[in-house]
């Protein structure tokens, strides 16, 4: 069985919900009862600062795709992550499936230019993320809805006065939802949102994203100042350029996080994962 990968979207668009989450991850350490917008403004600033302190982790990912459940061991590296298939639908992978995984890993290991291309795309995504961070405080109207357990509940809605300038900004601006801020660490614990309206590009000729697309994100505290996404569920549909479908249906959870040495290379991680 050929293993399906997550459906492709134009990367600058398919990652917009992740950009939204990362944009408001970090909150200032000691702000006594700030207004919601001020809190988010500080969060965006702090996130830009803390993104420079990148840490690497290993974890077990459980991904649901095309009516199958894939369980993988993942090790982050300084370039691209290494993945090893553990199970499919609760059963050990077949010899054919393992052969496909090994071949995919060897292609990346023996093709530095391919890894550099992936790194470059990741760098472009990071740049886009930083650009979005700067507009978020003005792109939304925020409403503090009070304490919810150990978190503060904040609603966000598109600000009608904001005029987005790029495709990414237009999709980001269409989000409407709720975030839960951990009151101890001042970090995002949960987020749920949906596209309040559909988004058209070039009056629909270039493409569109359908109204009602949803995302749900859950995050976990790992160590001082470090929070990672432990679950994400994304459901987006639309069309973009040359009638190519936009179908982003992602449902993944992550457990068993463990720190990885900050200078770990792809080759080192691959060697380590093969020993397990």
Protein backbone atom coordinates (compact mmCIF):
# COMPACT_ATOMS: atom_id res chain seq x y z
CA UNK A 1 0.00 0.00 0.00
CA UNK A 2 1.41 3.34 -1.06
CA UNK A 3 1.51 5.58 1.99
CA UNK A 4 -0.52 8.76 1.44
CA UNK A 5 1.15 11.94 2.51
CA UNK A 6 -0.74 14.98 3.70
CA UNK A 7 -2.52 16.60 0.72
CA UNK A 8 -0.57 19.43 -0.84
CA UNK A 9 -1.62 23.06 -0.62
CA UNK A 10 0.40 26.02 -1.81
CA UNK A 11 2.69 26.15 1.24
CA UNK A 12 2.18 29.83 1.93
CA UNK A 13 -1.57 29.12 2.20
CA UNK A 14 -1.79 25.65 3.72
CA UNK A 15 0.25 26.77 6.71
CA UNK A 16 -1.81 29.85 7.49
CA UNK A 17 -3.49 28.27 10.50
CA UNK A 18 -0.13 27.27 11.90
CA UNK A 19 1.07 30.82 11.30
CA UNK A 20 -1.92 32.10 13.23
CA UNK A 21 -1.22 29.79 16.16
CA UNK A 22 2.50 30.51 16.28
CA UNK A 23 1.82 34.22 16.06
CA UNK A 24 0.19 34.28 19.50
CA UNK A 25 2.05 31.48 21.27
CA UNK A 26 4.16 33.48 23.70
CA UNK A 27 2.77 35.97 26.17
CA UNK A 28 4.64 38.42 28.42
CA UNK A 29 5.62 37.18 31.88
CA UNK A 30 4.00 39.79 34.08
CA UNK A 31 1.13 41.80 32.69
CA UNK A 32 -1.50 42.45 35.40
CA UNK A 33 -4.95 42.38 33.78
CA UNK A 34 -4.00 43.95 30.40
CA UNK A 35 -6.55 44.62 27.76
CA UNK A 36 -6.83 41.74 25.28
CA UNK A 37 -5.31 43.67 22.37
CA UNK A 38 -2.33 44.74 24.45
CA UNK A 39 -1.83 41.14 25.53
CA UNK A 40 -1.85 39.93 21.93
CA UNK A 41 0.46 42.74 20.81
CA UNK A 42 3.01 41.70 23.44
CA UNK A 43 2.49 38.06 22.43
CA UNK A 44 3.38 38.79 18.82
CA UNK A 45 6.51 40.69 19.83
CA UNK A 46 7.61 37.92 22.20
CA UNK A 47 7.02 35.24 19.59
CA UNK A 48 9.33 36.97 17.11
CA UNK A 49 12.01 37.18 19.80
CA UNK A 50 11.63 33.59 20.98
CA UNK A 51 11.60 32.07 17.48
CA UNK A 52 15.35 32.69 17.40
CA UNK A 53 15.77 30.21 20.27
CA UNK A 54 14.94 27.13 18.25
CA UNK A 55 14.99 23.78 20.05
CA UNK A 56 14.84 20.28 18.57
CA UNK A 57 12.62 17.46 19.82
CA UNK A 58 11.70 13.89 19.06
CA UNK A 59 8.14 12.64 19.42
CA UNK A 60 5.64 10.00 18.31
CA UNK A 61 3.12 11.25 15.76
CA UNK A 62 -0.21 9.59 15.04
CA UNK A 63 -1.61 10.80 11.71
CA UNK A 64 -5.07 10.03 10.33
CA UNK A 65 -5.31 10.09 6.54
CA UNK A 66 -7.53 8.41 3.92
CA UNK A 67 -9.26 6.23 6.53
CA UNK A 68 -5.95 4.95 7.88
CA UNK A 69 -3.97 5.72 11.04
CA UNK A 70 -0.20 6.04 10.66
CA UNK A 71 2.07 6.05 13.70
CA UNK A 72 5.58 7.46 13.24
CA UNK A 73 8.68 8.23 15.28
CA UNK A 74 9.90 11.73 14.39
CA UNK A 75 13.26 13.36 15.16
CA UNK A 76 13.72 17.05 14.36
CA UNK A 77 17.11 18.09 12.97
CA UNK A 78 18.91 21.26 11.90
CA UNK A 79 17.58 20.78 8.36
CA UNK A 80 14.65 18.38 7.83
CA UNK A 81 13.02 15.94 10.27
CA UNK A 82 13.57 12.18 10.11
CA UNK A 83 10.47 9.97 10.24
CA UNK A 84 10.22 6.23 10.85
CA UNK A 85 6.97 4.34 10.34
CA UNK A 86 5.97 2.40 13.46
CA UNK A 87 2.49 1.11 12.66
CA UNK A 88 -0.39 1.34 10.19
CA UNK A 89 -3.88 0.89 11.63
CA UNK A 90 -2.37 -0.59 14.76
CA UNK A 91 -0.28 -3.20 12.92
CA UNK A 92 3.46 -3.27 12.18
CA UNK A 93 4.27 -1.94 8.69
CA UNK A 94 4.62 -4.47 5.90
CA UNK A 95 7.92 -5.11 4.15
CA UNK A 96 6.69 -3.09 1.16
CA UNK A 97 5.80 -0.14 3.39
CA UNK A 98 9.15 -0.25 5.15
CA UNK A 99 10.96 -0.44 1.80
CA UNK A 100 9.16 2.73 0.69
CA UNK A 101 10.14 4.49 3.93
CA UNK A 102 13.79 3.50 3.65
CA UNK A 103 13.96 4.60 0.02
CA UNK A 104 12.41 7.98 0.90
CA UNK A 105 14.90 8.52 3.72
CA UNK A 106 17.85 7.53 1.53
CA UNK A 107 16.76 9.98 -1.17
CA UNK A 108 16.91 12.80 1.38
CA UNK A 109 20.18 11.55 2.89
CA UNK A 110 21.93 11.36 -0.48
CA UNK A 111 20.45 14.54 -1.91
CA UNK A 112 21.70 17.62 -0.02
CA UNK A 113 20.16 19.91 -2.64
CA UNK A 114 16.74 18.47 -1.88
CA UNK A 115 17.23 19.06 1.83
CA UNK A 116 18.41 22.61 1.11
CA UNK A 117 15.30 23.21 -0.98
CA UNK A 118 13.12 22.10 1.92
CA UNK A 119 15.13 24.33 4.26
CA UNK A 120 14.68 27.27 1.91
CA UNK A 121 10.94 26.74 1.86
CA UNK A 122 10.92 26.56 5.64
CA UNK A 123 12.86 29.82 5.71
CA UNK A 124 10.29 31.43 3.43
CA UNK A 125 7.52 30.19 5.71
CA UNK A 126 9.34 31.68 8.70
CA UNK A 127 9.62 35.04 6.94
CA UNK A 128 5.92 34.99 6.11
CA UNK A 129 5.14 34.12 9.69
CA UNK A 130 7.11 37.08 11.01
CA UNK A 131 5.31 39.37 8.58
CA UNK A 132 1.94 38.11 9.79
CA UNK A 133 3.00 38.54 13.41
CA UNK A 134 3.30 42.25 12.83
CA UNK A 135 -0.25 42.67 11.50
CA UNK A 136 -2.17 40.41 13.87
CA UNK A 137 -2.85 43.05 16.58
CA UNK A 138 -4.53 45.26 13.96
CA UNK A 139 -6.12 42.47 11.88
CA UNK A 140 -8.43 41.27 14.66
CA UNK A 141 -10.75 42.50 17.33
CA UNK A 142 -10.01 40.72 20.62
CA UNK A 143 -12.43 40.08 23.47
CA UNK A 144 -11.37 38.84 26.90
CA UNK A 145 -14.03 36.37 28.04
CA UNK A 146 -12.64 35.66 31.49
CA UNK A 147 -11.00 32.75 33.24
CA UNK A 148 -11.60 29.17 32.13
CA UNK A 149 -9.93 26.73 34.53
CA UNK A 150 -6.22 27.58 34.50
CA UNK A 151 -6.53 29.59 31.29
CA UNK A 152 -7.82 32.96 30.15
CA UNK A 153 -10.33 32.75 27.30
CA UNK A 154 -9.94 35.30 24.49
CA UNK A 155 -12.15 35.54 21.41
CA UNK A 156 -10.81 36.94 18.14
CA UNK A 157 -12.79 38.24 15.17
CA UNK A 158 -11.80 39.88 11.86
CA UNK A 159 -11.33 43.63 12.24
CA UNK A 160 -13.48 45.20 9.48
CA UNK A 161 -11.20 48.26 9.41
CA UNK A 162 -8.13 46.20 8.50
CA UNK A 163 -7.22 45.95 4.79
CA UNK A 164 -5.11 42.84 4.03
CA UNK A 165 -2.50 43.21 1.29
CA UNK A 166 -1.49 39.61 0.46
CA UNK A 167 -3.17 36.23 -0.03
CA UNK A 168 -1.80 35.07 3.32
CA UNK A 169 -3.11 38.16 5.08
CA UNK A 170 -6.54 37.74 3.50
CA UNK A 171 -6.87 34.15 4.71
CA UNK A 172 -5.50 34.99 8.13
CA UNK A 173 -7.92 37.92 8.41
CA UNK A 174 -10.89 35.63 7.74
CA UNK A 175 -10.30 33.58 10.89
CA UNK A 176 -12.77 33.78 13.76
CA UNK A 177 -12.35 31.81 16.99
CA UNK A 178 -11.20 31.35 20.57
CA UNK A 179 -7.80 30.99 22.22
CA UNK A 180 -7.12 29.76 25.75
CA UNK A 181 -4.07 31.30 27.41
CA UNK A 182 -2.36 29.37 30.21
CA UNK A 183 -2.29 31.77 33.16
CA UNK A 184 0.84 30.31 34.74
CA UNK A 185 3.17 30.41 31.73
CA UNK A 186 1.18 32.96 29.71
CA UNK A 187 1.16 30.70 26.65
CA UNK A 188 -1.49 29.40 24.28
CA UNK A 189 -2.93 26.11 25.56
CA UNK A 190 -5.70 25.67 22.99
CA UNK A 191 -7.08 27.34 19.87
CA UNK A 192 -10.15 26.70 17.78
CA UNK A 193 -11.13 28.77 14.78
CA UNK A 194 -12.98 28.80 11.50
CA UNK A 195 -13.06 30.83 8.32
CA UNK A 196 -15.85 33.33 8.96
CA UNK A 197 -16.12 34.00 5.23
CA UNK A 198 -14.87 32.47 2.00
CA UNK A 199 -11.82 34.05 0.42
CA UNK A 200 -11.49 34.66 -3.33
CA UNK A 201 -8.30 35.44 -5.24
CA UNK A 202 -8.64 37.44 -8.46
CA UNK A 203 -12.44 37.44 -8.19
CA UNK A 204 -12.33 33.66 -8.01
CA UNK A 205 -10.37 33.22 -11.24
CA UNK A 206 -7.09 32.52 -9.48
CA UNK A 207 -8.78 30.54 -6.74
CA UNK A 208 -10.72 30.54 -3.51
CA UNK A 209 -10.89 29.02 -0.05
CA UNK A 210 -14.33 27.96 1.13
CA UNK A 211 -16.13 29.47 4.10
CA UNK A 212 -16.33 27.27 7.20
CA UNK A 213 -12.86 25.71 7.07
CA UNK A 214 -11.83 24.85 10.62
CA UNK A 215 -8.76 24.33 12.75
CA UNK A 216 -8.25 23.02 16.27
CA UNK A 217 -4.87 23.22 18.00
CA UNK A 218 -3.81 21.87 21.42
CA UNK A 219 -0.41 22.64 22.93
CA UNK A 220 1.62 21.16 25.78
CA UNK A 221 4.24 22.64 28.10
CA UNK A 222 7.54 20.73 27.82
CA UNK A 223 10.09 22.79 29.72
CA UNK A 224 10.82 26.36 30.81
CA UNK A 225 9.60 28.61 28.00
CA UNK A 226 8.96 25.67 25.63
CA UNK A 227 5.49 24.76 24.38
CA UNK A 228 4.84 22.42 21.45
CA UNK A 229 1.75 21.46 19.47
CA UNK A 230 0.41 18.15 20.75
CA UNK A 231 -2.62 17.93 18.45
CA UNK A 232 -3.85 19.70 15.34
CA UNK A 233 -6.92 19.14 13.23
CA UNK A 234 -7.32 21.16 10.03
CA UNK A 235 -10.16 20.96 7.50
CA UNK A 236 -9.94 23.35 4.53
CA UNK A 237 -11.34 23.15 1.00
CA UNK A 238 -11.08 25.27 -2.11
CA UNK A 239 -9.29 25.75 -5.43
CA UNK A 240 -6.12 27.56 -6.42
CA UNK A 241 -4.69 28.18 -9.90
CA UNK A 242 -5.33 25.93 -12.91
CA UNK A 243 -8.29 24.24 -11.18
CA UNK A 244 -6.02 22.53 -8.66
CA UNK A 245 -8.07 21.47 -5.65
CA UNK A 246 -7.24 22.78 -2.22
CA UNK A 247 -7.97 19.97 0.18
CA UNK A 248 -6.21 20.17 3.53
CA UNK A 249 -7.52 17.52 5.87
CA UNK A 250 -4.98 17.00 8.61
CA UNK A 251 -5.57 15.20 11.89
CA UNK A 252 -2.42 14.53 13.90
CA UNK A 253 -1.52 14.08 17.55
CA UNK A 254 1.98 14.02 19.10
CA UNK A 255 3.18 12.39 22.31
CA UNK A 256 6.35 11.22 24.07
CA UNK A 257 8.31 14.44 23.49
CA UNK A 258 12.03 14.28 24.31
CA UNK A 259 14.78 16.90 23.74
CA UNK A 260 17.29 16.43 20.92
CA UNK A 261 20.80 17.88 20.78
CA UNK A 262 20.60 21.33 19.11
CA UNK A 263 23.18 20.49 16.41
CA UNK A 264 21.64 17.15 15.34
CA UNK A 265 21.99 16.55 11.59
CA UNK A 266 19.73 14.52 9.33
CA UNK A 267 22.36 11.76 9.05
CA UNK A 268 22.78 11.57 12.83
CA UNK A 269 19.04 11.41 13.43
CA UNK A 270 18.60 8.78 10.73
CA UNK A 271 21.35 6.66 12.33
CA UNK A 272 19.69 7.09 15.73
CA UNK A 273 16.21 6.22 14.53
CA UNK A 274 17.45 3.07 12.78
CA UNK A 275 18.76 1.78 16.12
CA UNK A 276 15.34 1.96 17.77
